[in-house]
Protein backbone atom coordinates (compact mmCIF):
# COMPACT_ATOMS: atom_id res chain seq x y z
CA MET A 1 38.98 96.80 197.01
CA ASN A 2 38.20 99.66 194.67
CA ASN A 3 34.44 99.49 193.99
CA ARG A 4 34.48 101.47 190.75
CA LEU A 5 33.86 98.30 188.76
CA ILE A 6 30.23 97.14 188.62
CA VAL A 7 29.60 93.71 187.14
CA ALA A 8 26.31 93.31 185.28
CA LEU A 9 24.62 90.07 186.28
CA ASP A 10 22.70 89.65 183.03
CA PHE A 11 21.49 86.11 183.60
CA PRO A 12 18.05 84.50 183.24
CA THR A 13 18.18 82.81 186.67
CA ILE A 14 19.41 83.73 190.11
CA GLU A 15 21.25 80.41 190.31
CA GLU A 16 23.47 81.39 187.38
CA ALA A 17 23.98 84.87 188.79
CA ARG A 18 24.85 83.50 192.21
CA GLU A 19 27.40 81.10 190.70
CA CYS A 20 29.00 83.96 188.74
CA VAL A 21 29.38 86.06 191.89
CA LYS A 22 31.05 83.08 193.54
CA GLU A 23 33.44 82.68 190.59
CA ILE A 24 34.38 86.38 190.61
CA GLY A 25 35.09 86.23 194.32
CA PRO A 26 37.07 89.16 195.77
CA ALA A 27 37.79 90.74 192.35
CA CYS A 28 34.54 92.73 192.52
CA ARG A 29 32.15 93.83 195.27
CA PHE A 30 29.55 95.76 193.26
CA TYR A 31 26.86 94.11 191.13
CA LYS A 32 24.11 95.29 188.79
CA ILE A 33 20.78 93.51 188.63
CA GLY A 34 18.68 94.42 185.60
CA LEU A 35 15.17 93.70 184.39
CA GLU A 36 15.88 90.16 183.19
CA LEU A 37 17.02 89.02 186.61
CA LEU A 38 14.60 91.18 188.59
CA PHE A 39 11.72 89.24 187.06
CA ALA A 40 13.39 85.92 187.88
CA GLY A 41 13.69 86.34 191.64
CA GLY A 42 16.21 89.15 191.54
CA GLN A 43 14.70 90.96 194.49
CA ASP A 44 15.75 88.09 196.74
CA LEU A 45 19.23 88.19 195.22
CA VAL A 46 19.49 91.89 196.04
CA GLN A 47 18.96 91.07 199.70
CA GLU A 48 21.38 88.16 199.56
CA LEU A 49 24.16 90.23 198.02
CA LEU A 50 23.67 93.10 200.46
CA HIS A 51 23.74 90.66 203.38
CA LYS A 52 27.11 89.38 202.14
CA GLY A 53 28.56 92.88 202.09
CA HIS A 54 28.26 93.64 198.39
CA GLN A 55 26.94 96.83 196.88
CA VAL A 56 23.94 96.51 194.57
CA PHE A 57 22.78 98.55 191.59
CA VAL A 58 19.11 97.97 190.67
CA ASP A 59 18.90 98.79 186.98
CA ALA A 60 15.11 99.11 186.74
CA LYS A 61 15.08 102.04 184.29
CA LEU A 62 11.82 103.37 185.73
CA LEU A 63 9.58 105.42 183.45
CA ASP A 64 5.92 106.03 184.32
CA ILE A 65 3.64 108.64 185.81
CA GLY A 66 5.01 110.40 188.85
CA ALA A 67 2.95 108.56 191.47
CA THR A 68 4.04 105.15 190.18
CA VAL A 69 7.71 106.18 189.98
CA GLN A 70 7.56 107.59 193.50
CA LYS A 71 6.05 104.44 195.01
CA SER A 72 8.35 102.12 193.05
CA THR A 73 11.39 104.09 194.17
CA ALA A 74 10.21 103.93 197.77
CA ASN A 75 9.93 100.14 197.58
CA ILE A 76 13.39 99.79 196.06
CA ALA A 77 14.83 102.10 198.72
CA LEU A 78 13.44 99.73 201.35
CA MET A 79 15.53 96.91 199.85
CA GLY A 80 18.68 98.80 200.79
CA ALA A 81 20.06 99.00 197.25
CA ASP A 82 22.83 101.49 196.53
CA PHE A 83 21.90 102.66 193.01
CA LEU A 84 18.64 102.84 191.04
CA THR A 85 18.10 103.94 187.45
CA LEU A 86 15.21 105.81 185.85
CA HIS A 87 14.88 107.26 182.39
CA VAL A 88 15.43 110.99 182.09
CA SER A 89 12.16 112.18 180.60
CA ASP A 90 10.91 115.24 182.49
CA SER A 91 11.58 116.98 185.77
CA LYS A 92 8.23 115.92 187.29
CA THR A 93 9.13 112.26 187.01
CA LEU A 94 12.66 112.79 188.30
CA LYS A 95 11.46 114.74 191.32
CA ALA A 96 8.88 112.04 192.05
CA ALA A 97 11.72 109.53 192.35
CA ILE A 98 13.60 111.87 194.68
CA LYS A 99 10.51 112.14 196.85
CA GLY A 100 10.11 108.36 196.80
CA ARG A 101 13.60 107.59 198.06
CA GLY A 102 12.99 109.83 201.09
CA ASP A 103 15.90 109.97 203.51
CA SER A 104 17.40 106.67 202.38
CA SER A 105 20.93 106.42 200.99
CA LEU A 106 19.69 105.22 197.60
CA LYS A 107 21.39 107.11 194.78
CA LEU A 108 19.28 107.92 191.73
CA LEU A 109 20.86 107.76 188.29
CA GLY A 110 19.21 109.07 185.15
CA VAL A 111 19.52 107.05 181.95
CA THR A 112 20.45 109.47 179.17
CA VAL A 113 20.86 107.63 175.84
CA LEU A 114 21.34 103.86 175.79
CA THR A 115 24.83 102.88 174.64
CA ASN A 116 23.51 100.65 171.84
CA LEU A 117 21.85 103.63 170.09
CA GLU A 118 23.26 105.69 167.24
CA GLN A 119 22.10 108.72 165.27
CA ALA A 120 19.81 106.65 163.02
CA ASP A 121 18.06 105.19 166.07
CA LEU A 122 17.30 108.67 167.42
CA ILE A 123 15.83 109.67 164.07
CA GLU A 124 13.67 106.54 164.11
CA GLN A 125 12.39 107.62 167.54
CA GLY A 126 11.39 110.99 166.12
CA ILE A 127 14.28 112.88 167.72
CA GLU A 128 15.47 115.13 164.90
CA GLY A 129 18.42 117.50 164.88
CA ARG A 130 20.27 116.05 167.90
CA SER A 131 23.30 113.81 167.93
CA PRO A 132 23.54 111.19 170.69
CA LYS A 133 26.05 113.45 172.47
CA ASP A 134 23.74 116.49 172.25
CA LEU A 135 20.85 114.50 173.70
CA VAL A 136 23.02 113.01 176.45
CA LEU A 137 24.14 116.47 177.55
CA HIS A 138 20.59 117.83 177.47
CA ARG A 139 19.32 114.98 179.62
CA ALA A 140 22.31 115.11 181.96
CA LYS A 141 21.60 118.79 182.64
CA LEU A 142 17.92 118.00 183.22
CA ALA A 143 18.86 115.28 185.71
CA PHE A 144 21.35 117.55 187.46
CA ASP A 145 18.87 120.43 187.75
CA ALA A 146 16.17 118.10 189.09
CA GLY A 147 18.48 116.90 191.89
CA LEU A 148 19.44 113.40 190.80
CA ASP A 149 22.77 112.00 192.00
CA GLY A 150 24.13 111.17 188.58
CA VAL A 151 23.58 109.72 185.14
CA ILE A 152 24.16 106.66 183.03
CA ALA A 153 26.00 107.61 179.85
CA SER A 154 28.62 106.39 177.44
CA ALA A 155 32.16 107.21 178.47
CA GLN A 156 32.45 108.97 175.13
CA GLU A 157 30.30 111.73 176.62
CA ALA A 158 31.75 111.60 180.15
CA ALA A 159 34.22 114.46 179.75
CA ALA A 160 31.56 116.78 178.33
CA ILE A 161 29.13 115.86 181.12
CA ARG A 162 31.80 116.48 183.76
CA GLU A 163 32.50 119.91 182.29
CA LEU A 164 28.77 120.69 182.24
CA VAL A 165 27.80 119.62 185.77
CA GLY A 166 31.01 119.69 187.82
CA PRO A 167 32.91 117.15 189.93
CA ASP A 168 30.26 115.87 192.35
CA PHE A 169 27.71 114.45 189.90
CA LEU A 170 28.10 110.69 189.41
CA ILE A 171 28.81 109.35 185.94
CA VAL A 172 28.28 105.61 185.49
CA THR A 173 29.32 104.21 182.12
CA PRO A 174 28.14 100.98 180.49
CA GLY A 175 29.31 99.90 177.06
CA ILE A 176 32.79 99.13 178.39
CA ARG A 177 34.98 96.69 176.51
CA PRO A 178 38.59 95.81 177.39
CA SER A 179 41.13 96.41 174.63
CA GLY A 180 40.67 93.80 171.90
CA ALA A 181 37.29 92.56 173.12
CA GLU A 182 34.29 92.15 170.82
CA VAL A 183 31.88 95.11 170.74
CA GLY A 184 28.76 92.92 170.59
CA ASP A 185 25.47 94.85 170.53
CA GLN A 186 27.03 98.07 171.85
CA ALA A 187 27.54 101.09 169.57
CA ARG A 188 29.35 103.69 171.71
CA VAL A 189 32.05 101.74 173.51
CA THR A 190 35.18 102.68 175.47
CA THR A 191 37.96 100.84 177.27
CA PRO A 192 38.00 100.79 181.09
CA LYS A 193 41.09 102.97 181.33
CA ASP A 194 39.72 105.56 178.91
CA ALA A 195 36.36 105.66 180.71
CA ILE A 196 38.02 106.61 183.98
CA SER A 197 40.33 109.13 182.31
CA PHE A 198 37.30 110.76 180.64
CA GLY A 199 35.68 111.36 184.03
CA ALA A 200 33.57 108.28 184.78
CA ASP A 201 33.12 107.41 188.45
CA TYR A 202 32.03 103.82 187.82
CA ILE A 203 32.11 101.45 184.87
CA VAL A 204 29.63 98.64 184.19
CA VAL A 205 30.96 95.47 182.55
CA GLY A 206 28.97 92.36 181.75
CA ARG A 207 29.91 89.70 179.21
CA PRO A 208 33.69 90.35 179.07
CA ILE A 209 33.68 89.17 182.71
CA THR A 210 30.65 86.94 183.12
CA LYS A 211 31.34 84.95 179.93
CA ALA A 212 35.10 84.75 180.49
CA GLU A 213 36.75 81.39 181.01
CA VAL A 214 37.92 82.59 184.43
CA PRO A 215 35.64 85.46 185.55
CA GLN A 216 37.78 86.37 188.56
CA GLU A 217 40.85 86.89 186.37
CA ALA A 218 38.84 88.91 183.85
CA ALA A 219 37.43 91.16 186.59
CA GLN A 220 40.83 91.65 188.17
CA ALA A 221 42.37 92.53 184.79
CA ILE A 222 39.78 95.29 184.36
CA GLN A 223 40.43 96.53 187.90
CA ASP A 224 44.15 96.65 187.09
CA GLU A 225 43.53 98.45 183.78
CA MET A 226 41.45 101.12 185.49
CA GLU A 227 44.07 101.72 188.14
CA GLY A 228 47.07 101.47 185.83
């Protein structure tokens, strides 16, 4: 099975997440656990999924002083997770995470600009004179120079990131919607096939699979679209 598809288990309880994994079955082997589920027993679910042979992406989006980021990363590395996110803020924080993961196989991914944000949102945050793409590229370069393994970014910026940092830097793209699907609360969306063609290594898909009438069929359709 190609593990380039990551299903986002955005559920309020581990029971619902566990049932969804069961429904998806062999159509996906890689799952993302975010803040909502982490605070509802998600750490136990990480261990359960790993024990069953799945890969796990802990989407914690760490952002704090260096010492706290380092220790938090070290604890997550001990879980055995495959991916961990932290916000790209400054090189000190990024390097603290690298120090925290030690010699584990945990891959660190920097969050650039959330895929539900547009130009007006950046202005509201006090970020003047930069488009979302400009800011994504700036933060991707900062993450690359600091030694992170990759970034989280919209597939709309994937080609430009790939040109900037080369072939070995991971690009993981949320905000993916199959052709004809509702956009929902996302602003910068792309289809699975386009995301891969633009240079993404992995795509993250939530509701189009988890809320589908038959999640396994929905996941397999996205796998087929990526590979087609």
